[in-house]
Protein backbone atom coordinates (compact mmCIF):
# COMPACT_ATOMS: atom_id res chain seq x y z
CA MET A 1 58.01 23.30 205.11
CA SER A 2 57.35 21.11 208.10
CA ALA A 3 56.06 21.76 211.57
CA TYR A 4 59.50 20.82 212.93
CA THR A 5 61.29 23.38 210.75
CA LEU A 6 58.90 26.15 211.78
CA GLN A 7 59.20 25.23 215.45
CA ARG A 8 63.00 25.15 215.12
CA ALA A 9 62.94 28.67 213.66
CA VAL A 10 60.78 29.89 216.58
CA PHE A 11 63.04 28.14 219.11
CA ASP A 12 66.21 29.61 217.59
CA ARG A 13 64.70 33.09 217.83
CA LEU A 14 63.90 32.49 221.50
CA ARG A 15 67.43 31.28 222.25
CA ALA A 16 68.99 34.25 220.47
CA GLY A 17 66.87 36.60 222.57
CA GLU A 18 67.91 34.87 225.80
CA ARG A 19 71.56 35.30 224.93
CA GLY A 20 71.22 38.91 223.81
CA ARG A 21 72.02 38.09 220.19
CA PRO A 22 70.21 39.54 217.20
CA GLU A 23 67.41 37.41 215.80
CA PRO A 24 68.76 34.86 213.35
CA SER A 25 68.08 35.23 209.67
CA ASP A 26 65.22 33.05 208.48
CA ASP A 27 67.17 32.20 205.31
CA GLY A 28 68.49 28.97 206.82
CA TYR A 29 65.03 27.45 207.18
CA GLU A 30 62.90 25.98 204.42
CA LEU A 31 59.69 27.85 205.26
CA SER A 32 56.69 28.48 203.06
CA GLY A 33 55.57 32.04 202.42
CA ALA A 34 52.78 31.71 205.00
CA GLU A 35 55.17 30.30 207.62
CA ARG A 36 57.74 33.03 207.00
CA ALA A 37 55.07 35.75 207.19
CA ALA A 38 53.65 34.36 210.44
CA LEU A 39 57.10 34.14 212.03
CA LEU A 40 58.30 37.58 210.97
CA GLY A 41 54.92 39.16 211.72
CA ARG A 42 54.77 37.42 215.11
CA ASP A 43 51.27 36.25 214.22
CA LEU A 44 50.46 33.86 217.07
CA ARG A 45 47.15 32.80 215.59
CA ALA A 46 48.77 31.79 212.29
CA LEU A 47 51.64 30.05 214.10
CA THR A 48 49.09 28.07 216.12
CA LEU A 49 47.21 27.02 213.01
CA LEU A 50 50.51 26.06 211.35
CA GLY A 51 51.22 23.62 214.18
CA VAL A 52 53.63 25.34 216.57
CA HIS A 53 53.50 23.67 219.99
CA PRO A 54 51.56 25.70 222.60
CA VAL A 55 54.41 25.73 225.12
CA LEU A 56 56.83 27.08 222.53
CA LEU A 57 54.24 29.56 221.32
CA ASN A 58 53.67 30.82 224.86
CA ALA A 59 57.38 31.50 225.34
CA PHE A 60 57.52 33.22 221.95
CA ALA A 61 54.56 35.44 222.91
CA ARG A 62 56.25 36.43 226.18
CA SER A 63 59.50 37.26 224.36
CA CYS A 64 57.53 39.49 221.98
CA GLY A 65 56.03 41.38 224.92
CA ILE A 66 52.49 40.13 224.36
CA THR A 67 50.42 40.12 227.53
CA ARG A 68 48.49 37.09 228.71
CA ASP A 69 45.18 38.74 227.78
CA GLY A 70 46.51 39.67 224.34
CA TYR A 71 47.75 36.12 223.86
CA ARG A 72 44.38 34.70 224.84
CA ALA A 73 42.53 37.06 222.52
CA MET A 74 44.76 36.15 219.56
CA LEU A 75 44.10 32.46 220.05
CA THR A 76 40.34 32.64 220.46
CA GLY A 77 38.73 30.00 218.27
CA THR A 78 41.87 28.00 217.48
CA ALA A 79 41.31 25.18 219.98
CA SER A 80 39.70 21.99 218.82
CA ALA A 81 36.00 21.74 219.60
CA VAL A 82 36.23 18.18 220.89
CA GLU A 83 38.08 17.51 224.11
CA GLY A 84 38.89 13.99 225.15
CA SER A 85 38.30 12.69 228.65
CA PRO A 86 41.09 11.12 230.68
CA ARG A 87 41.03 7.34 230.96
CA TRP A 88 40.62 7.50 234.71
CA ARG A 89 37.23 9.17 234.17
CA ALA A 90 36.02 6.62 231.62
CA SER A 91 34.87 4.10 234.18
């Protein structure tokens, strides 16, 4: 039940797809019910809120056949409201 474990499960599914193998069983990962449901349901919004890295999530979305517009629509409202400014702009 950690962000690393969930991300590892997503990564392993991506690697299996690249190699033409069936998706691995999620029994080998200690996932909570919400994490397991988000992974099996390919719920990008829930995976984002559970802490999956955006780069990994993007690859997962592409492997699921989700279009860029569909991906964007699923993630609407999940970004943080406050954006930092780069240090080079501070002065």
